[in-house]
Amino acid sequence: MRLRLLVGLGFLLLFPMLLSAQDLSKQKAQKKKIEEEIQFIDKQLSENRNQQSRQLNSLSLTQQKIESRKTLIQTLDQEIQTYRQQINQCNQTINRLKQKLDTLQFYYEDMILKAYRNRDSRVWFMYLLSSDDLSQAYRRWAYLKSFKTTIRNEADEIRTTEAAIRHEKAQLTVLQDESEKSKKEQEAAKNQLQEEEKSVKSTLKSLQKKEKSFQKQIKDKKKEVERLNKEIERILAEAVKEQQNSAKKGIQIDYALSGEFGKNKGKLPWPVNRGVVVEKFGQHNHPVFKHIKLPFNNGINISTEKNAEVYAVFEGVVKQVLVMPGYNQCVLVQHGEYFTFYCKLKRVSVKSGDKVALGTLLGQVDDGEDGSILHFQLWKGTDKQNPELWLKKK
């Protein structure tokens, strides 16, 4: 019974530590991903550094890095809090073990004292001989045997408890060291964040002086985006009409494929191996001239590695390959009711009518004036979707 109680007590002491360890493991994994993203952005910034035409892309990348840095600081703060909880739990465990050790030592000393007082074997022998009958003599013999066993068990438990205290103290030292390490990392991240924010302010001031030269670029970009949007909307309208006509002839849309695609919302793989979103879905103001609204972005712009390969995010059929000014080559893939667009490709590896599987190579990103940017869109029929809600979170 006592053993069960000790095992139960030990589990209750360890349970909060196990939960904290799980939290810490998740925080460390998240921190690693954020650090890798920051390193990737730094690499792209390094490639852009000597090219004046990529200042806007560098600005967007730095702003994205600032957001990642802020998330890293928050993650480190959570990590520090978890370490603090574990340190408190460890101290509490050490205190409880010390109290237990004090109790064990008290009873052990009392038993040793009793054994010392009755150390003469003749006393034990007379104790047995004075029994009224054999039954009482057996019970007395069993008691004496049990007494010796109890002394040995108490000594073993004292040694075990002392070892547990040593282990907890060693663990406490490790936790304190790791906590200090996280605090230093957080402080360094805060300093880097300040430098990055200064860099953004400096870049903004520099670019704001060139508003006139940017006006033509903004006007050209608006025309390119509007032209692409109209063309995509036209293609989709034709595709939907074609589906409706096919349905009238008894040829049904692949609803099974549509259903599978829909089930994967938030789970779709990214169309490139590595990348960060530098322009989000929807309506936005210009990153430098806040009073200027940019055209509605029907998709997202992903800054990726030079010569990055582009892959299909789901199985389907290549509906069309087209060329658009400012967007180079574009691939449209149909997935039942759903469509995905991959634009700004310099090389295309598929043709219209090709069946593609998840992960099929579609082409290679062009290294344009703004850098290696993939423009990615996702539609359900003629309803535009926010791709970030469909792609797997990093």
Protein backbone atom coordinates (compact mmCIF):
# COMPACT_ATOMS: atom_id res chain seq x y z
CA MET A 1 0.00 0.00 0.00
CA ARG A 2 2.83 2.34 0.94
CA LEU A 3 4.63 1.54 -2.32
CA ARG A 4 1.52 2.39 -4.37
CA LEU A 5 1.17 5.66 -2.49
CA LEU A 6 4.80 6.59 -3.19
CA VAL A 7 4.44 5.69 -6.89
CA GLY A 8 1.25 7.77 -7.13
CA LEU A 9 2.92 10.69 -5.34
CA GLY A 10 5.92 10.45 -7.67
CA PHE A 11 3.65 10.58 -10.75
CA LEU A 12 1.83 13.64 -9.40
CA LEU A 13 5.19 15.36 -8.87
CA LEU A 14 6.43 14.47 -12.35
CA PHE A 15 3.19 15.22 -14.29
CA PRO A 16 3.57 19.05 -14.31
CA MET A 17 7.22 18.64 -15.34
CA LEU A 18 6.20 16.38 -18.26
CA LEU A 19 3.65 18.95 -19.47
CA SER A 20 6.26 21.74 -19.21
CA ALA A 21 8.76 19.61 -21.13
CA GLN A 22 6.22 19.14 -23.95
CA ASP A 23 5.56 22.90 -24.07
CA LEU A 24 9.29 23.57 -24.14
CA SER A 25 9.81 21.11 -26.98
CA LYS A 26 7.11 22.85 -29.08
CA GLN A 27 8.58 26.28 -28.32
CA LYS A 28 12.07 25.15 -29.36
CA ALA A 29 10.70 23.66 -32.61
CA GLN A 30 8.84 26.91 -33.37
CA LYS A 31 11.93 28.95 -32.52
CA LYS A 32 14.03 26.85 -34.92
CA LYS A 33 11.55 27.43 -37.78
CA ILE A 34 11.50 31.19 -37.18
CA GLU A 35 15.31 31.34 -37.04
CA GLU A 36 15.51 29.40 -40.33
CA GLU A 37 13.05 31.83 -41.94
CA ILE A 38 15.12 34.81 -40.75
CA GLN A 39 18.29 33.20 -42.15
CA PHE A 40 16.51 32.62 -45.47
CA ILE A 41 15.39 36.27 -45.62
CA ASP A 42 18.94 37.40 -44.81
CA LYS A 43 20.23 35.34 -47.74
CA GLN A 44 17.74 36.99 -50.11
CA LEU A 45 18.57 40.44 -48.76
CA SER A 46 22.24 39.73 -49.39
CA GLU A 47 21.44 38.88 -53.04
CA ASN A 48 19.40 42.11 -53.41
CA ARG A 49 21.90 44.41 -51.68
CA ASN A 50 23.77 45.57 -54.76
CA GLN A 51 20.74 45.98 -57.01
CA GLN A 52 18.95 49.33 -56.82
CA SER A 53 15.91 47.98 -58.64
CA ARG A 54 15.22 45.57 -55.79
CA GLN A 55 14.93 48.13 -53.03
CA LEU A 56 11.19 47.62 -52.70
CA ASN A 57 11.60 43.85 -52.45
CA SER A 58 14.37 44.35 -49.86
CA LEU A 59 12.04 46.64 -47.91
CA SER A 60 9.27 44.01 -47.96
CA LEU A 61 11.72 41.29 -46.93
CA THR A 62 13.08 43.39 -44.06
CA GLN A 63 9.54 44.16 -42.88
CA GLN A 64 8.77 40.44 -43.01
CA LYS A 65 11.98 39.76 -41.06
CA ILE A 66 10.86 42.28 -38.41
CA GLU A 67 7.56 40.39 -38.02
CA SER A 68 9.46 37.10 -37.75
CA ARG A 69 11.85 38.68 -35.23
CA LYS A 70 8.91 39.85 -33.09
CA THR A 71 7.45 36.34 -33.17
CA LEU A 72 10.88 34.97 -32.19
CA ILE A 73 11.01 37.34 -29.21
CA GLN A 74 7.51 36.24 -28.13
CA THR A 75 8.51 32.57 -28.49
CA LEU A 76 11.64 33.17 -26.40
CA ASP A 77 9.51 34.92 -23.80
CA GLN A 78 7.25 31.85 -23.63
CA GLU A 79 10.35 29.65 -23.39
CA ILE A 80 11.70 31.75 -20.50
CA GLN A 81 8.32 31.53 -18.74
CA THR A 82 8.33 27.74 -19.19
CA TYR A 83 11.85 27.52 -17.76
CA ARG A 84 10.72 29.66 -14.81
CA GLN A 85 7.81 27.28 -14.17
CA GLN A 86 10.10 24.25 -14.42
CA ILE A 87 12.62 25.85 -12.04
CA ASN A 88 9.82 26.54 -9.52
CA GLN A 89 8.52 22.98 -9.88
CA CYS A 90 12.04 21.64 -9.47
CA ASN A 91 12.56 23.69 -6.29
CA GLN A 92 9.22 22.47 -4.94
CA THR A 93 10.17 18.86 -5.72
CA ILE A 94 13.53 19.31 -3.94
CA ASN A 95 11.78 20.80 -0.87
CA ARG A 96 9.27 17.93 -0.78
CA LEU A 97 12.05 15.36 -1.13
CA LYS A 98 13.99 17.06 1.68
CA GLN A 99 10.92 16.92 3.94
CA LYS A 100 10.48 13.28 3.06
CA LEU A 101 14.18 12.63 3.78
CA ASP A 102 13.91 14.36 7.18
CA THR A 103 10.91 12.14 8.07
CA LEU A 104 12.65 8.98 6.88
CA GLN A 105 15.80 9.83 8.82
CA PHE A 106 13.77 10.58 11.98
CA TYR A 107 12.04 7.18 11.93
CA TYR A 108 15.21 5.43 10.86
CA GLU A 109 17.15 6.90 13.79
CA ASP A 110 14.33 5.89 16.16
CA MET A 111 14.44 2.28 14.86
CA ILE A 112 18.24 2.18 15.07
CA LEU A 113 18.06 3.46 18.68
CA LYS A 114 15.55 0.75 19.58
CA ALA A 115 17.69 -1.86 17.92
CA TYR A 116 20.75 -0.56 19.78
CA ARG A 117 18.98 -0.73 23.16
CA ASN A 118 18.05 -4.32 22.46
CA ARG A 119 21.26 -5.28 20.71
CA ASP A 120 21.98 -8.25 23.05
CA SER A 121 20.75 -11.37 21.21
CA ARG A 122 19.86 -12.90 24.58
CA VAL A 123 17.16 -10.27 25.03
CA TRP A 124 15.58 -11.28 21.72
CA PHE A 125 15.92 -14.95 22.65
CA MET A 126 14.26 -14.44 26.05
CA TYR A 127 11.53 -12.42 24.31
CA LEU A 128 10.72 -15.47 22.19
CA LEU A 129 10.96 -17.97 25.12
CA SER A 130 8.56 -15.92 27.23
CA SER A 131 5.77 -16.55 24.71
CA ASP A 132 2.63 -18.20 26.10
CA ASP A 133 2.39 -20.63 23.20
CA LEU A 134 3.88 -21.49 19.80
CA SER A 135 1.46 -19.19 17.98
CA GLN A 136 2.58 -16.18 20.01
CA ALA A 137 6.23 -17.19 19.61
CA TYR A 138 5.79 -17.32 15.81
CA ARG A 139 4.16 -13.89 15.75
CA ARG A 140 7.04 -12.47 17.86
CA TRP A 141 9.60 -14.09 15.58
CA ALA A 142 7.84 -12.64 12.50
CA TYR A 143 7.83 -9.20 14.14
CA LEU A 144 11.58 -9.36 14.86
CA LYS A 145 12.27 -10.48 11.29
CA SER A 146 10.02 -7.72 9.92
CA PHE A 147 11.75 -5.15 12.12
CA LYS A 148 15.12 -5.96 10.61
CA THR A 149 13.68 -5.89 7.07
CA THR A 150 12.03 -2.52 7.78
CA ILE A 151 15.36 -1.06 8.92
CA ARG A 152 17.00 -2.24 5.69
CA ASN A 153 14.11 -0.90 3.57
CA GLU A 154 14.19 2.48 5.33
CA ALA A 155 17.94 2.72 4.71
CA ASP A 156 17.39 1.89 1.01
CA GLU A 157 14.63 4.50 0.74
CA ILE A 158 16.86 7.14 2.37
CA ARG A 159 19.59 6.41 -0.20
CA THR A 160 17.02 6.55 -3.04
CA THR A 161 15.63 9.86 -1.80
CA GLU A 162 19.13 11.34 -1.46
CA ALA A 163 19.88 10.25 -5.04
CA ALA A 164 16.59 11.87 -6.20
CA ILE A 165 17.57 15.14 -4.51
CA ARG A 166 20.99 15.08 -6.21
CA HIS A 167 19.28 14.43 -9.58
CA GLU A 168 16.78 17.28 -9.07
CA LYS A 169 19.57 19.67 -8.09
CA ALA A 170 21.52 18.73 -11.23
CA GLN A 171 18.36 19.24 -13.30
CA LEU A 172 17.81 22.60 -11.59
CA THR A 173 21.31 23.73 -12.60
CA VAL A 174 20.64 22.74 -16.24
CA LEU A 175 17.30 24.60 -16.25
CA GLN A 176 18.87 27.73 -14.76
CA ASP A 177 21.66 27.65 -17.38
CA GLU A 178 19.17 27.15 -20.25
CA SER A 179 16.97 29.94 -18.89
CA GLU A 180 19.91 32.34 -18.83
CA LYS A 181 20.83 31.29 -22.37
CA SER A 182 17.26 32.05 -23.57
CA LYS A 183 17.32 35.44 -21.82
CA LYS A 184 20.56 36.33 -23.65
CA GLU A 185 19.06 35.16 -26.97
CA GLN A 186 16.00 37.32 -26.35
CA GLU A 187 18.13 40.35 -25.51
CA ALA A 188 20.16 39.84 -28.71
CA ALA A 189 16.94 39.47 -30.73
CA LYS A 190 15.59 42.74 -29.27
CA ASN A 191 18.81 44.54 -30.23
CA GLN A 192 18.63 43.12 -33.76
CA LEU A 193 14.98 44.16 -33.99
CA GLN A 194 15.92 47.75 -33.15
CA GLU A 195 18.60 47.75 -35.86
CA GLU A 196 16.17 46.32 -38.43
CA GLU A 197 13.53 48.91 -37.55
CA LYS A 198 16.14 51.65 -38.00
CA SER A 199 17.07 50.14 -41.38
CA VAL A 200 13.43 50.20 -42.51
CA LYS A 201 13.02 53.85 -41.48
CA SER A 202 16.22 54.76 -43.33
CA THR A 203 15.12 52.90 -46.49
CA LEU A 204 11.68 54.52 -46.36
CA LYS A 205 13.21 58.00 -46.13
CA SER A 206 15.49 57.23 -49.06
CA LEU A 207 12.68 55.89 -51.24
CA GLN A 208 10.22 58.64 -50.31
CA LYS A 209 12.56 61.14 -51.96
CA LYS A 210 12.07 59.30 -55.25
CA GLU A 211 8.26 59.49 -55.40
CA LYS A 212 8.20 60.93 -58.91
CA SER A 213 10.35 58.14 -60.33
CA PHE A 214 8.12 55.57 -58.61
CA GLN A 215 4.90 57.05 -60.00
CA LYS A 216 5.47 55.52 -63.44
CA GLN A 217 6.42 52.14 -61.90
CA ILE A 218 3.25 52.14 -59.79
CA LYS A 219 1.12 53.04 -62.83
CA ASP A 220 2.75 50.26 -64.90
CA LYS A 221 2.28 47.76 -62.09
CA LYS A 222 -1.40 48.67 -61.81
CA LYS A 223 -1.85 48.02 -65.53
CA GLU A 224 -0.04 44.67 -65.31
CA VAL A 225 -2.06 43.51 -62.28
CA GLU A 226 -5.37 44.62 -63.80
CA ARG A 227 -4.50 42.93 -67.12
CA LEU A 228 -3.60 39.68 -65.33
CA ASN A 229 -6.73 39.80 -63.15
CA LYS A 230 -9.00 40.36 -66.15
CA GLU A 231 -7.35 37.56 -68.12
CA ILE A 232 -7.58 35.09 -65.24
CA GLU A 233 -11.21 36.03 -64.57
CA ARG A 234 -11.96 35.54 -68.28
CA ILE A 235 -10.28 32.12 -68.34
CA LEU A 236 -12.11 31.03 -65.19
CA ALA A 237 -15.46 32.24 -66.47
CA GLU A 238 -14.90 30.20 -69.65
CA ALA A 239 -13.80 27.15 -67.61
CA VAL A 240 -16.91 27.35 -65.39
CA LYS A 241 -19.14 27.79 -68.45
CA GLU A 242 -17.46 24.79 -70.04
CA GLN A 243 -18.13 22.77 -66.89
CA GLN A 244 -21.79 23.78 -66.94
CA ASN A 245 -22.13 22.81 -70.61
CA SER A 246 -20.45 19.49 -69.91
CA ALA A 247 -22.85 18.88 -67.02
CA LYS A 248 -25.81 19.42 -69.39
CA LYS A 249 -24.33 16.73 -71.64
CA GLY A 250 -24.06 14.39 -68.66
CA ILE A 251 -20.33 14.92 -68.12
CA GLN A 252 -19.95 15.70 -64.44
CA ILE A 253 -17.29 17.77 -62.68
CA ASP A 254 -14.85 15.63 -60.71
CA TYR A 255 -16.55 16.35 -57.39
CA ALA A 256 -14.51 13.66 -55.65
CA LEU A 257 -11.32 15.55 -56.55
CA SER A 258 -12.96 18.83 -55.50
CA GLY A 259 -13.95 17.27 -52.19
CA GLU A 260 -10.43 16.02 -51.53
CA PHE A 261 -9.00 19.43 -52.43
CA GLY A 262 -11.48 21.16 -50.09
CA LYS A 263 -10.58 18.81 -47.22
CA ASN A 264 -6.98 19.97 -47.49
CA LYS A 265 -7.63 23.60 -46.61
CA GLY A 266 -4.74 24.68 -44.39
CA LYS A 267 -2.78 21.53 -45.33
CA LEU A 268 -1.67 22.16 -48.93
CA PRO A 269 2.11 22.14 -49.47
CA TRP A 270 3.82 25.32 -50.56
CA PRO A 271 4.44 25.60 -54.33
CA VAL A 272 8.15 26.26 -53.64
CA ASN A 273 10.50 24.53 -51.20
CA ARG A 274 11.46 27.75 -49.42
CA GLY A 275 9.83 31.16 -49.46
CA VAL A 276 8.24 34.00 -47.54
CA VAL A 277 5.12 35.98 -48.40
CA VAL A 278 6.13 39.55 -49.26
CA GLU A 279 2.74 40.70 -50.57
CA LYS A 280 -0.45 39.34 -49.07
CA PHE A 281 -3.89 38.69 -50.52
CA GLY A 282 -6.29 41.63 -50.79
CA GLN A 283 -6.17 45.42 -51.02
CA HIS A 284 -3.04 47.15 -49.75
CA ASN A 285 -1.42 50.55 -49.78
CA HIS A 286 1.98 51.04 -51.38
CA PRO A 287 4.75 50.01 -48.91
CA VAL A 288 6.41 53.44 -49.22
CA PHE A 289 3.68 55.85 -50.33
CA LYS A 290 0.89 54.98 -47.95
CA HIS A 291 -1.58 57.36 -49.63
CA ILE A 292 -1.47 55.25 -52.82
CA LYS A 293 -3.66 52.14 -53.01
CA LEU A 294 -2.34 49.22 -55.00
CA PRO A 295 -4.64 47.05 -57.16
CA PHE A 296 -6.41 44.22 -55.33
CA ASN A 297 -4.04 41.25 -55.09
CA ASN A 298 -6.00 38.15 -56.07
CA GLY A 299 -3.22 35.95 -54.71
CA ILE A 300 0.04 36.20 -52.81
CA ASN A 301 3.62 37.01 -53.83
CA ILE A 302 6.21 34.59 -52.48
CA SER A 303 9.86 35.66 -52.42
CA THR A 304 11.93 32.53 -52.99
CA GLU A 305 15.39 31.30 -53.94
CA LYS A 306 17.00 32.09 -57.28
CA ASN A 307 15.99 29.51 -59.93
CA ALA A 308 13.53 27.95 -57.47
CA GLU A 309 11.46 25.09 -58.83
CA VAL A 310 7.66 25.36 -58.67
CA TYR A 311 5.45 22.36 -57.85
CA ALA A 312 1.74 21.55 -58.11
CA VAL A 313 0.08 21.85 -54.71
CA PHE A 314 -2.47 19.12 -55.57
CA GLU A 315 -3.30 16.66 -58.32
CA GLY A 316 -5.21 17.99 -61.31
CA VAL A 317 -5.01 18.86 -65.00
CA VAL A 318 -3.07 21.70 -66.64
CA LYS A 319 -5.83 23.87 -68.05
CA GLN A 320 -3.69 26.47 -69.77
CA VAL A 321 -0.18 27.90 -70.11
CA LEU A 322 -0.11 31.60 -70.97
CA VAL A 323 2.28 34.54 -71.14
CA MET A 324 1.39 37.86 -69.50
CA PRO A 325 3.35 41.16 -69.49
CA GLY A 326 5.01 41.63 -66.10
CA TYR A 327 4.18 38.04 -65.07
CA ASN A 328 6.14 36.12 -67.71
CA GLN A 329 4.76 32.58 -68.08
CA CYS A 330 1.77 31.39 -66.04
CA VAL A 331 0.40 27.88 -65.48
CA LEU A 332 -3.26 27.26 -64.61
CA VAL A 333 -4.06 23.89 -63.01
CA GLN A 334 -7.64 22.68 -62.53
CA HIS A 335 -8.60 20.53 -59.52
CA GLY A 336 -12.30 19.81 -60.13
CA GLU A 337 -14.05 23.01 -59.05
CA TYR A 338 -10.79 24.53 -57.84
CA PHE A 339 -8.02 26.26 -59.81
CA THR A 340 -4.44 27.22 -58.91
CA PHE A 341 -2.28 29.75 -60.79
CA TYR A 342 1.52 29.87 -60.79
CA CYS A 343 2.95 33.03 -62.39
CA LYS A 344 6.32 34.68 -63.04
CA LEU A 345 7.93 31.52 -64.41
CA LYS A 346 10.88 31.67 -66.79
CA ARG A 347 10.68 27.99 -67.69
CA VAL A 348 7.57 25.77 -67.86
CA SER A 349 7.80 21.96 -67.66
CA VAL A 350 4.16 21.10 -68.53
CA LYS A 351 1.69 21.77 -71.33
CA SER A 352 -2.06 22.21 -71.57
CA GLY A 353 -3.93 18.93 -70.98
CA ASP A 354 -1.17 17.30 -68.88
CA LYS A 355 -2.32 15.42 -65.78
CA VAL A 356 -0.26 16.39 -62.76
CA ALA A 357 0.13 14.76 -59.36
CA LEU A 358 0.82 16.43 -56.03
CA GLY A 359 4.41 17.74 -56.23
CA THR A 360 4.73 17.57 -60.03
CA LEU A 361 7.34 20.04 -61.31
CA LEU A 362 5.55 22.84 -63.20
CA GLY A 363 8.47 25.14 -63.94
CA GLN A 364 11.10 27.49 -62.60
CA VAL A 365 10.74 30.96 -61.08
CA ASP A 366 12.09 33.87 -63.11
CA ASP A 367 14.72 36.10 -61.51
CA GLY A 368 13.14 39.42 -62.46
CA GLU A 369 13.72 43.05 -61.51
CA ASP A 370 12.04 42.52 -58.13
CA GLY A 371 13.95 39.32 -57.42
CA SER A 372 12.76 35.71 -57.48
CA ILE A 373 9.05 36.18 -56.87
CA LEU A 374 6.31 33.60 -57.46
CA HIS A 375 2.80 34.98 -57.85
CA PHE A 376 0.33 32.31 -56.65
CA GLN A 377 -3.46 32.35 -56.82
CA LEU A 378 -6.19 29.92 -55.73
CA TRP A 379 -9.83 30.01 -56.85
CA LYS A 380 -13.02 28.04 -56.26
CA GLY A 381 -14.85 28.52 -59.53
CA THR A 382 -14.93 32.29 -60.00
CA ASP A 383 -14.52 33.00 -56.26
CA LYS A 384 -11.01 34.13 -55.36
CA GLN A 385 -9.51 32.58 -52.19
CA ASN A 386 -6.78 33.71 -49.82
CA PRO A 387 -3.99 31.19 -50.57
CA GLU A 388 -2.40 31.63 -47.13
CA LEU A 389 -5.51 30.09 -45.57
CA TRP A 390 -5.04 27.00 -47.75
CA LEU A 391 -1.29 26.49 -47.48
CA LYS A 392 0.26 24.56 -44.63
CA LYS A 393 1.57 26.80 -41.85
CA LYS A 394 5.34 26.69 -41.58
